[in-house]
Amino acid sequence: MQKISSYLYPNRIELLANLAGFTTEYTNVYQRTVKIYNGIDNTLEFDIKNADQKRIDLSTFSMIELNVMDMSGNALPNSPYAITPLNQTTSKGLASVIIPEEDLAELDHQYLTYSVTAVKNGSDVMLYADSKFGAKGKIELVGDALPIFRDEIVYDRFSGEIDFAGNVINHTSAIPCKFYEAVPTESMSFEIAMTGYIGTIHVEGTKDSTISVESFKTATPLQSFTTSVATSSTVSFEIAVGSFNYFRVVWTYIDPVLIGVNNTYPTGTIDKVTVS
């Protein structure tokens, strides 16, 4: 039997506050590169010491902030991040900060740069990343440790066409269902939000590799349902991709008079189609 060991330990960074203005007696050779990961909220801990390598009472600072820049020097969306001291009774000198998942979502695997500043007695104080008074440190953003999930796509602008029978056919734009991934997409989820809609909704699929005006004229209907009473609701379902390259959601209105509903024609709206 093979065994895999995993370790849970704080992602801790040592920082030096040169409050007294004298050199350190202890010399740290280098500050390690911190690793954080796409797809999760990353918590970093800081161990803040003075020149004598003694932990500082962080209540003497009115504010501590973490600045994070990408490889181009641009600040992350919510940088600087507020650093919060831990329990100073039991964890003097220790503080933590969270870099949220959302701030890393658009970034590829790269090395980020960080610096930490504080305010003491109304003056800005730099907290150094190493004992050589280097103000900047490195954070490695690892982008391939977790699986990638595609964002939902919302379709809320639609087109309309008139068929040979004079009916108005409303539809979304073509929805791609093939992606260049190591594991092919097997199915896609649809969520259709409607308000007071009476009519028929169905999903069409085409195997055409490129979309043209002819692509959906002989499309295969894959999912279909009809609402005969004005309703405001959300319908959800999943469709297997198979050999299809594109889907689209199509709907037509039914004259309410034909089904005994005293209302004008057409009835209701399709508000949006969410695909994931």
C-alpha atoms as a PDB file:
ATOM      1  CA  MET A   1       0.000   0.000   0.000  1.00  0.00           C
ATOM      2  CA  GLN A   2       1.276   3.438  -0.913  1.00  0.00           C
ATOM      3  CA  LYS A   3       0.909   6.282   1.537  1.00  0.00           C
ATOM      4  CA  ILE A   4       0.681   9.985   0.709  1.00  0.00           C
ATOM      5  CA  SER A   5       1.492  12.382   3.526  1.00  0.00           C
ATOM      6  CA  SER A   6      -0.097  15.842   3.608  1.00  0.00           C
ATOM      7  CA  TYR A   7       0.819  18.657   5.927  1.00  0.00           C
ATOM      8  CA  LEU A   8      -1.244  21.492   7.328  1.00  0.00           C
ATOM      9  CA  TYR A   9       0.908  24.350   8.545  1.00  0.00           C
ATOM     10  CA  PRO A  10       0.639  28.139   8.492  1.00  0.00           C
ATOM     11  CA  ASN A  11       1.931  29.975   5.433  1.00  0.00           C
ATOM     12  CA  ARG A  12       4.007  32.226   7.688  1.00  0.00           C
ATOM     13  CA  ILE A  13       6.301  35.090   6.687  1.00  0.00           C
ATOM     14  CA  GLU A  14       8.832  36.699   9.020  1.00  0.00           C
ATOM     15  CA  LEU A  15       8.901  40.498   8.920  1.00  0.00           C
ATOM     16  CA  LEU A  16      11.302  42.944  10.545  1.00  0.00           C
ATOM     17  CA  ALA A  17      10.273  46.323  11.927  1.00  0.00           C
ATOM     18  CA  ASN A  18      13.332  48.587  12.231  1.00  0.00           C
ATOM     19  CA  LEU A  19      11.767  50.792  14.896  1.00  0.00           C
ATOM     20  CA  ALA A  20      14.945  51.590  16.840  1.00  0.00           C
ATOM     21  CA  GLY A  21      17.065  52.393  13.795  1.00  0.00           C
ATOM     22  CA  PHE A  22      19.897  49.979  14.534  1.00  0.00           C
ATOM     23  CA  THR A  23      21.143  46.933  12.698  1.00  0.00           C
ATOM     24  CA  THR A  24      20.046  43.431  13.525  1.00  0.00           C
ATOM     25  CA  GLU A  25      22.184  41.011  15.497  1.00  0.00           C
ATOM     26  CA  TYR A  26      20.519  38.023  13.824  1.00  0.00           C
ATOM     27  CA  THR A  27      20.973  37.741  10.068  1.00  0.00           C
ATOM     28  CA  ASN A  28      18.493  35.690   8.106  1.00  0.00           C
ATOM     29  CA  VAL A  29      20.121  34.545   4.850  1.00  0.00           C
ATOM     30  CA  TYR A  30      16.986  34.918   2.754  1.00  0.00           C
ATOM     31  CA  GLN A  31      13.224  35.123   2.951  1.00  0.00           C
ATOM     32  CA  ARG A  32      11.548  32.085   1.422  1.00  0.00           C
ATOM     33  CA  THR A  33       9.197  32.475  -1.511  1.00  0.00           C
ATOM     34  CA  VAL A  34       5.613  32.104  -0.357  1.00  0.00           C
ATOM     35  CA  LYS A  35       3.216  29.967  -2.400  1.00  0.00           C
ATOM     36  CA  ILE A  36      -0.480  30.719  -2.890  1.00  0.00           C
ATOM     37  CA  TYR A  37      -3.007  29.036  -5.159  1.00  0.00           C
ATOM     38  CA  ASN A  38      -5.687  29.924  -7.659  1.00  0.00           C
ATOM     39  CA  GLY A  39      -9.193  28.704  -6.820  1.00  0.00           C
ATOM     40  CA  ILE A  40      -9.159  29.321  -3.049  1.00  0.00           C
ATOM     41  CA  ASP A  41      -8.945  32.115  -0.486  1.00  0.00           C
ATOM     42  CA  ASN A  42      -5.316  32.163   0.656  1.00  0.00           C
ATOM     43  CA  THR A  43      -4.456  32.967   4.276  1.00  0.00           C
ATOM     44  CA  LEU A  44      -0.974  34.289   5.038  1.00  0.00           C
ATOM     45  CA  GLU A  45       0.475  34.684   8.519  1.00  0.00           C
ATOM     46  CA  PHE A  46       3.113  37.236   9.518  1.00  0.00           C
ATOM     47  CA  ASP A  47       5.582  36.950  12.362  1.00  0.00           C
ATOM     48  CA  ILE A  48       6.585  40.565  13.049  1.00  0.00           C
ATOM     49  CA  LYS A  49       9.753  41.147  15.060  1.00  0.00           C
ATOM     50  CA  ASN A  50      12.017  43.998  16.052  1.00  0.00           C
ATOM     51  CA  ALA A  51      15.757  44.310  15.385  1.00  0.00           C
ATOM     52  CA  ASP A  52      16.505  41.992  18.323  1.00  0.00           C
ATOM     53  CA  GLN A  53      14.322  39.254  16.828  1.00  0.00           C
ATOM     54  CA  LYS A  54      11.684  39.704  19.531  1.00  0.00           C
ATOM     55  CA  ARG A  55       8.026  39.711  18.599  1.00  0.00           C
ATOM     56  CA  ILE A  56       6.390  43.125  18.663  1.00  0.00           C
ATOM     57  CA  ASP A  57       3.177  44.065  20.432  1.00  0.00           C
ATOM     58  CA  LEU A  58       1.082  44.819  17.355  1.00  0.00           C
ATOM     59  CA  SER A  59      -1.342  47.003  19.303  1.00  0.00           C
ATOM     60  CA  THR A  60       1.303  49.730  18.969  1.00  0.00           C
ATOM     61  CA  PHE A  61       0.442  49.907  15.246  1.00  0.00           C
ATOM     62  CA  SER A  62      -2.744  51.683  14.213  1.00  0.00           C
ATOM     63  CA  MET A  63      -2.783  49.909  10.853  1.00  0.00           C
ATOM     64  CA  ILE A  64      -0.890  47.165   9.009  1.00  0.00           C
ATOM     65  CA  GLU A  65      -1.414  46.533   5.275  1.00  0.00           C
ATOM     66  CA  LEU A  66      -0.228  44.059   2.661  1.00  0.00           C
ATOM     67  CA  ASN A  67       0.432  45.391  -0.840  1.00  0.00           C
ATOM     68  CA  VAL A  68       0.432  42.779  -3.626  1.00  0.00           C
ATOM     69  CA  MET A  69       1.421  43.465  -7.245  1.00  0.00           C
ATOM     70  CA  ASP A  70       1.337  41.187 -10.279  1.00  0.00           C
ATOM     71  CA  MET A  71       4.388  40.606 -12.491  1.00  0.00           C
ATOM     72  CA  SER A  72       3.582  43.808 -14.418  1.00  0.00           C
ATOM     73  CA  GLY A  73       3.606  45.872 -11.232  1.00  0.00           C
ATOM     74  CA  ASN A  74      -0.154  46.381 -11.132  1.00  0.00           C
ATOM     75  CA  ALA A  75      -1.864  46.108  -7.758  1.00  0.00           C
ATOM     76  CA  LEU A  76      -4.337  43.275  -7.258  1.00  0.00           C
ATOM     77  CA  PRO A  77      -7.972  44.490  -7.370  1.00  0.00           C
ATOM     78  CA  ASN A  78      -8.437  44.913  -3.590  1.00  0.00           C
ATOM     79  CA  SER A  79      -4.833  45.593  -2.609  1.00  0.00           C
ATOM     80  CA  PRO A  80      -3.777  46.784  -0.068  1.00  0.00           C
ATOM     81  CA  TYR A  81      -5.245  44.151   2.257  1.00  0.00           C
ATOM     82  CA  ALA A  82      -5.757  44.827   5.966  1.00  0.00           C
ATOM     83  CA  ILE A  83      -3.586  42.604   8.170  1.00  0.00           C
ATOM     84  CA  THR A  84      -5.312  41.567  11.389  1.00  0.00           C
ATOM     85  CA  PRO A  85      -3.319  40.807  14.562  1.00  0.00           C
ATOM     86  CA  LEU A  86      -3.991  37.455  16.188  1.00  0.00           C
ATOM     87  CA  ASN A  87      -4.632  37.116  19.911  1.00  0.00           C
ATOM     88  CA  GLN A  88      -1.811  39.220  21.365  1.00  0.00           C
ATOM     89  CA  THR A  89      -2.094  37.500  24.733  1.00  0.00           C
ATOM     90  CA  THR A  90      -1.167  34.097  23.336  1.00  0.00           C
ATOM     91  CA  SER A  91       0.270  35.010  19.917  1.00  0.00           C
ATOM     92  CA  LYS A  92       2.240  38.223  20.321  1.00  0.00           C
ATOM     93  CA  GLY A  93       3.653  39.534  17.060  1.00  0.00           C
ATOM     94  CA  LEU A  94       1.532  37.272  14.869  1.00  0.00           C
ATOM     95  CA  ALA A  95      -1.006  38.541  12.348  1.00  0.00           C
ATOM     96  CA  SER A  96      -2.865  37.208   9.327  1.00  0.00           C
ATOM     97  CA  VAL A  97      -4.396  38.363   6.067  1.00  0.00           C
ATOM     98  CA  ILE A  98      -6.596  36.774   3.395  1.00  0.00           C
ATOM     99  CA  ILE A  99      -5.981  37.200  -0.338  1.00  0.00           C
ATOM    100  CA  PRO A 100      -9.422  36.396  -1.806  1.00  0.00           C
ATOM    101  CA  GLU A 101      -9.930  33.888  -4.597  1.00  0.00           C
ATOM    102  CA  GLU A 102     -11.633  36.503  -6.777  1.00  0.00           C
ATOM    103  CA  ASP A 103      -8.514  38.683  -6.917  1.00  0.00           C
ATOM    104  CA  LEU A 104      -6.488  35.812  -8.393  1.00  0.00           C
ATOM    105  CA  ALA A 105      -9.047  34.414 -10.832  1.00  0.00           C
ATOM    106  CA  GLU A 106      -7.752  36.267 -13.895  1.00  0.00           C
ATOM    107  CA  LEU A 107      -4.051  35.669 -13.201  1.00  0.00           C
ATOM    108  CA  ASP A 108      -1.886  32.918 -14.671  1.00  0.00           C
ATOM    109  CA  HIS A 109       0.905  31.097 -12.862  1.00  0.00           C
ATOM    110  CA  GLN A 110       3.427  33.821 -12.010  1.00  0.00           C
ATOM    111  CA  TYR A 111       5.521  35.464  -9.304  1.00  0.00           C
ATOM    112  CA  LEU A 112       3.803  38.280  -7.433  1.00  0.00           C
ATOM    113  CA  THR A 113       5.581  40.972  -5.447  1.00  0.00           C
ATOM    114  CA  TYR A 114       4.501  42.031  -1.975  1.00  0.00           C
ATOM    115  CA  SER A 115       5.393  44.631   0.636  1.00  0.00           C
ATOM    116  CA  VAL A 116       3.993  45.332   4.086  1.00  0.00           C
ATOM    117  CA  THR A 117       3.556  48.758   5.657  1.00  0.00           C
ATOM    118  CA  ALA A 118       2.268  49.906   9.030  1.00  0.00           C
ATOM    119  CA  VAL A 119       1.356  53.133  10.779  1.00  0.00           C
ATOM    120  CA  LYS A 120       2.881  53.873  14.196  1.00  0.00           C
ATOM    121  CA  ASN A 121       2.311  57.137  16.059  1.00  0.00           C
ATOM    122  CA  GLY A 122       0.958  58.677  12.869  1.00  0.00           C
ATOM    123  CA  SER A 123       4.038  57.798  10.807  1.00  0.00           C
ATOM    124  CA  ASP A 124       4.407  55.169   8.089  1.00  0.00           C
ATOM    125  CA  VAL A 125       6.674  52.255   8.969  1.00  0.00           C
ATOM    126  CA  MET A 126       8.053  49.753   6.461  1.00  0.00           C
ATOM    127  CA  LEU A 127       8.116  46.134   7.580  1.00  0.00           C
ATOM    128  CA  TYR A 128      11.036  44.505   5.820  1.00  0.00           C
ATOM    129  CA  ALA A 129      10.797  41.160   4.082  1.00  0.00           C
ATOM    130  CA  ASP A 130      14.337  40.158   5.109  1.00  0.00           C
ATOM    131  CA  SER A 131      17.006  41.197   7.583  1.00  0.00           C
ATOM    132  CA  LYS A 132      18.906  43.013   4.807  1.00  0.00           C
ATOM    133  CA  PHE A 133      16.068  45.572   4.851  1.00  0.00           C
ATOM    134  CA  GLY A 134      14.649  44.459   1.540  1.00  0.00           C
ATOM    135  CA  ALA A 135      11.171  45.946   1.319  1.00  0.00           C
ATOM    136  CA  LYS A 136       9.869  43.528  -1.315  1.00  0.00           C
ATOM    137  CA  GLY A 137       9.202  39.820  -1.149  1.00  0.00           C
ATOM    138  CA  LYS A 138       8.039  37.211  -3.660  1.00  0.00           C
ATOM    139  CA  ILE A 139       4.822  35.199  -3.738  1.00  0.00           C
ATOM    140  CA  GLU A 140       4.514  32.364  -6.223  1.00  0.00           C
ATOM    141  CA  LEU A 141       0.965  32.081  -7.566  1.00  0.00           C
ATOM    142  CA  VAL A 142       0.401  28.449  -8.516  1.00  0.00           C
ATOM    143  CA  GLY A 143      -2.342  28.202 -11.102  1.00  0.00           C
ATOM    144  CA  ASP A 144      -2.581  24.481 -11.788  1.00  0.00           C
ATOM    145  CA  ALA A 145      -3.037  22.874  -8.361  1.00  0.00           C
ATOM    146  CA  LEU A 146      -6.835  22.851  -8.590  1.00  0.00           C
ATOM    147  CA  PRO A 147      -9.162  21.964 -11.482  1.00  0.00           C
ATOM    148  CA  ILE A 148     -10.403  24.811 -13.652  1.00  0.00           C
ATOM    149  CA  PHE A 149     -14.128  25.516 -13.746  1.00  0.00           C
ATOM    150  CA  ARG A 150     -15.607  27.564 -16.545  1.00  0.00           C
ATOM    151  CA  ASP A 151     -17.607  30.607 -15.578  1.00  0.00           C
ATOM    152  CA  GLU A 152     -21.329  30.680 -16.224  1.00  0.00           C
ATOM    153  CA  ILE A 153     -22.384  32.489 -19.377  1.00  0.00           C
ATOM    154  CA  VAL A 154     -25.584  34.530 -19.287  1.00  0.00           C
ATOM    155  CA  TYR A 155     -27.538  35.200 -22.493  1.00  0.00           C
ATOM    156  CA  ASP A 156     -30.034  38.033 -22.091  1.00  0.00           C
ATOM    157  CA  ARG A 157     -30.119  39.502 -25.605  1.00  0.00           C
ATOM    158  CA  PHE A 158     -32.029  37.492 -28.183  1.00  0.00           C
ATOM    159  CA  SER A 159     -32.814  37.424 -31.901  1.00  0.00           C
ATOM    160  CA  GLY A 160     -36.108  36.802 -33.696  1.00  0.00           C
ATOM    161  CA  GLU A 161     -36.929  35.262 -37.063  1.00  0.00           C
ATOM    162  CA  ILE A 162     -40.175  34.508 -38.894  1.00  0.00           C
ATOM    163  CA  ASP A 163     -40.640  30.970 -40.185  1.00  0.00           C
ATOM    164  CA  PHE A 164     -42.629  29.923 -43.309  1.00  0.00           C
ATOM    165  CA  ALA A 165     -45.829  29.661 -41.244  1.00  0.00           C
ATOM    166  CA  GLY A 166     -45.515  33.249 -40.060  1.00  0.00           C
ATOM    167  CA  ASN A 167     -44.502  32.342 -36.505  1.00  0.00           C
ATOM    168  CA  VAL A 168     -41.846  34.364 -34.700  1.00  0.00           C
ATOM    169  CA  ILE A 169     -38.952  32.153 -33.634  1.00  0.00           C
ATOM    170  CA  ASN A 170     -36.917  33.687 -30.809  1.00  0.00           C
ATOM    171  CA  HIS A 171     -33.507  32.309 -29.931  1.00  0.00           C
ATOM    172  CA  THR A 172     -30.181  32.867 -28.214  1.00  0.00           C
ATOM    173  CA  SER A 173     -26.967  33.159 -30.167  1.00  0.00           C
ATOM    174  CA  ALA A 174     -25.034  29.944 -30.841  1.00  0.00           C
ATOM    175  CA  ILE A 175     -23.718  28.405 -27.606  1.00  0.00           C
ATOM    176  CA  PRO A 176     -20.373  26.550 -28.059  1.00  0.00           C
ATOM    177  CA  CYS A 177     -20.262  23.175 -26.333  1.00  0.00           C
ATOM    178  CA  LYS A 178     -16.786  21.952 -27.294  1.00  0.00           C
ATOM    179  CA  PHE A 179     -13.771  23.237 -25.409  1.00  0.00           C
ATOM    180  CA  TYR A 180     -10.076  22.479 -25.882  1.00  0.00           C
ATOM    181  CA  GLU A 181      -9.511  20.795 -22.544  1.00  0.00           C
ATOM    182  CA  ALA A 182      -7.707  17.657 -21.415  1.00  0.00           C
ATOM    183  CA  VAL A 183     -11.058  16.139 -20.397  1.00  0.00           C
ATOM    184  CA  PRO A 184     -13.801  16.820 -22.988  1.00  0.00           C
ATOM    185  CA  THR A 185     -17.027  18.411 -21.780  1.00  0.00           C
ATOM    186  CA  GLU A 186     -19.648  15.685 -21.433  1.00  0.00           C
ATOM    187  CA  SER A 187     -22.705  17.777 -20.561  1.00  0.00           C
ATOM    188  CA  MET A 188     -23.880  21.365 -20.161  1.00  0.00           C
ATOM    189  CA  SER A 189     -26.394  22.813 -17.712  1.00  0.00           C
ATOM    190  CA  PHE A 190     -29.097  25.272 -18.717  1.00  0.00           C
ATOM    191  CA  GLU A 191     -31.175  27.552 -16.511  1.00  0.00           C
ATOM    192  CA  ILE A 192     -33.989  29.534 -18.172  1.00  0.00           C
ATOM    193  CA  ALA A 193     -35.610  32.375 -16.231  1.00  0.00           C
ATOM    194  CA  MET A 194     -39.026  33.519 -17.459  1.00  0.00           C
ATOM    195  CA  THR A 195     -41.719  35.978 -16.442  1.00  0.00           C
ATOM    196  CA  GLY A 196     -45.379  35.234 -17.227  1.00  0.00           C
ATOM    197  CA  TYR A 197     -44.426  33.158 -20.251  1.00  0.00           C
ATOM    198  CA  ILE A 198     -46.859  31.009 -22.236  1.00  0.00           C
ATOM    199  CA  GLY A 199     -45.347  29.031 -25.074  1.00  0.00           C
ATOM    200  CA  THR A 200     -42.862  26.374 -26.107  1.00  0.00           C
ATOM    201  CA  ILE A 201     -39.149  26.320 -25.289  1.00  0.00           C
ATOM    202  CA  HIS A 202     -36.680  23.880 -26.736  1.00  0.00           C
ATOM    203  CA  VAL A 203     -32.929  23.447 -27.213  1.00  0.00           C
ATOM    204  CA  GLU A 204     -31.438  22.704 -30.617  1.00  0.00           C
ATOM    205  CA  GLY A 205     -28.061  21.183 -31.388  1.00  0.00           C
ATOM    206  CA  THR A 206     -25.952  21.275 -34.523  1.00  0.00           C
ATOM    207  CA  LYS A 207     -22.853  19.301 -35.493  1.00  0.00           C
ATOM    208  CA  ASP A 208     -21.607  22.043 -37.836  1.00  0.00           C
ATOM    209  CA  SER A 209     -18.036  23.035 -37.012  1.00  0.00           C
ATOM    210  CA  THR A 210     -18.737  26.673 -37.865  1.00  0.00           C
ATOM    211  CA  ILE A 211     -21.975  28.642 -37.562  1.00  0.00           C
ATOM    212  CA  SER A 212     -23.784  29.952 -40.630  1.00  0.00           C
ATOM    213  CA  VAL A 213     -27.371  30.923 -41.471  1.00  0.00           C
ATOM    214  CA  GLU A 214     -27.989  27.295 -42.438  1.00  0.00           C
ATOM    215  CA  SER A 215     -26.631  25.690 -39.276  1.00  0.00           C
ATOM    216  CA  PHE A 216     -29.860  25.404 -37.301  1.00  0.00           C
ATOM    217  CA  LYS A 217     -32.327  24.964 -40.170  1.00  0.00           C
ATOM    218  CA  THR A 218     -32.017  21.191 -39.819  1.00  0.00           C
ATOM    219  CA  ALA A 219     -30.952  21.239 -36.168  1.00  0.00           C
ATOM    220  CA  THR A 220     -31.812  18.375 -33.858  1.00  0.00           C
ATOM    221  CA  PRO A 221     -34.316  19.257 -31.066  1.00  0.00           C
ATOM    222  CA  LEU A 222     -32.875  17.972 -27.789  1.00  0.00           C
ATOM    223  CA  GLN A 223     -35.081  19.293 -24.987  1.00  0.00           C
ATOM    224  CA  SER A 224     -38.591  20.676 -25.222  1.00  0.00           C
ATOM    225  CA  PHE A 225     -41.343  21.802 -22.848  1.00  0.00           C
ATOM    226  CA  THR A 226     -44.491  23.947 -23.064  1.00  0.00           C
ATOM    227  CA  THR A 227     -46.082  26.265 -20.510  1.00  0.00           C
ATOM    228  CA  SER A 228     -49.836  26.728 -20.955  1.00  0.00           C
ATOM    229  CA  VAL A 229     -50.358  28.980 -17.925  1.00  0.00           C
ATOM    230  CA  ALA A 230     -48.593  32.306 -17.468  1.00  0.00           C
ATOM    231  CA  THR A 231     -45.793  31.596 -15.054  1.00  0.00           C
ATOM    232  CA  SER A 232     -42.794  33.316 -13.529  1.00  0.00           C
ATOM    233  CA  SER A 233     -40.210  30.696 -12.746  1.00  0.00           C
ATOM    234  CA  THR A 234     -36.859  29.152 -13.550  1.00  0.00           C
ATOM    235  CA  VAL A 235     -36.432  25.898 -15.449  1.00  0.00           C
ATOM    236  CA  SER A 236     -33.177  23.939 -15.108  1.00  0.00           C
ATOM    237  CA  PHE A 237     -31.945  20.907 -17.039  1.00  0.00           C
ATOM    238  CA  GLU A 238     -28.792  19.261 -18.367  1.00  0.00           C
ATOM    239  CA  ILE A 239     -27.991  18.107 -21.909  1.00  0.00           C
ATOM    240  CA  ALA A 240     -25.316  15.638 -23.035  1.00  0.00           C
ATOM    241  CA  VAL A 241     -22.869  17.193 -25.497  1.00  0.00           C
ATOM    242  CA  GLY A 242     -22.171  14.057 -27.516  1.00  0.00           C
ATOM    243  CA  SER A 243     -21.071  14.947 -31.043  1.00  0.00           C
ATOM    244  CA  PHE A 244     -22.751  18.382 -31.076  1.00  0.00           C
ATOM    245  CA  ASN A 245     -20.638  21.504 -31.497  1.00  0.00           C
ATOM    246  CA  TYR A 246     -23.214  24.202 -30.793  1.00  0.00           C
ATOM    247  CA  PHE A 247     -26.535  24.572 -28.986  1.00  0.00           C
ATOM    248  CA  ARG A 248     -29.103  27.321 -28.962  1.00  0.00           C
ATOM    249  CA  VAL A 249     -32.275  27.903 -26.943  1.00  0.00           C
ATOM    250  CA  VAL A 250     -35.388  28.592 -29.039  1.00  0.00           C
ATOM    251  CA  TRP A 251     -38.906  29.590 -28.023  1.00  0.00           C
ATOM    252  CA  THR A 252     -42.198  30.426 -29.709  1.00  0.00           C
ATOM    253  CA  TYR A 253     -45.308  31.999 -28.283  1.00  0.00           C
ATOM    254  CA  ILE A 254     -48.662  30.238 -28.312  1.00  0.00           C
ATOM    255  CA  ASP A 255     -51.771  32.350 -28.844  1.00  0.00           C
ATOM    256  CA  PRO A 256     -53.397  32.293 -25.357  1.00  0.00           C
ATOM    257  CA  VAL A 257     -56.879  32.393 -26.938  1.00  0.00           C
ATOM    258  CA  LEU A 258     -56.240  28.996 -28.525  1.00  0.00           C
ATOM    259  CA  ILE A 259     -55.692  27.422 -25.114  1.00  0.00           C
ATOM    260  CA  GLY A 260     -58.525  29.258 -23.348  1.00  0.00           C
ATOM    261  CA  VAL A 261     -56.488  31.936 -21.610  1.00  0.00           C
ATOM    262  CA  ASN A 262     -57.982  35.423 -21.686  1.00  0.00           C
ATOM    263  CA  ASN A 263     -54.856  37.424 -22.455  1.00  0.00           C
ATOM    264  CA  THR A 264     -53.186  39.307 -25.232  1.00  0.00           C
ATOM    265  CA  TYR A 265     -50.691  37.747 -27.625  1.00  0.00           C
ATOM    266  CA  PRO A 266     -47.839  37.206 -27.015  1.00  0.00           C
ATOM    267  CA  THR A 267     -47.682  36.483 -23.278  1.00  0.00           C
ATOM    268  CA  GLY A 268     -44.656  36.955 -21.001  1.00  0.00           C
ATOM    269  CA  THR A 269     -40.943  37.034 -21.614  1.00  0.00           C
ATOM    270  CA  ILE A 270     -37.849  34.892 -21.446  1.00  0.00           C
ATOM    271  CA  ASP A 271     -35.566  36.985 -19.239  1.00  0.00           C
ATOM    272  CA  LYS A 272     -32.242  35.192 -19.471  1.00  0.00           C
ATOM    273  CA  VAL A 273     -30.570  31.875 -20.229  1.00  0.00           C
ATOM    274  CA  THR A 274     -27.658  30.833 -18.015  1.00  0.00           C
ATOM    275  CA  VAL A 275     -25.301  28.144 -19.335  1.00  0.00           C
ATOM    276  CA  SER A 276     -22.540  26.359 -17.464  1.00  0.00           C
END
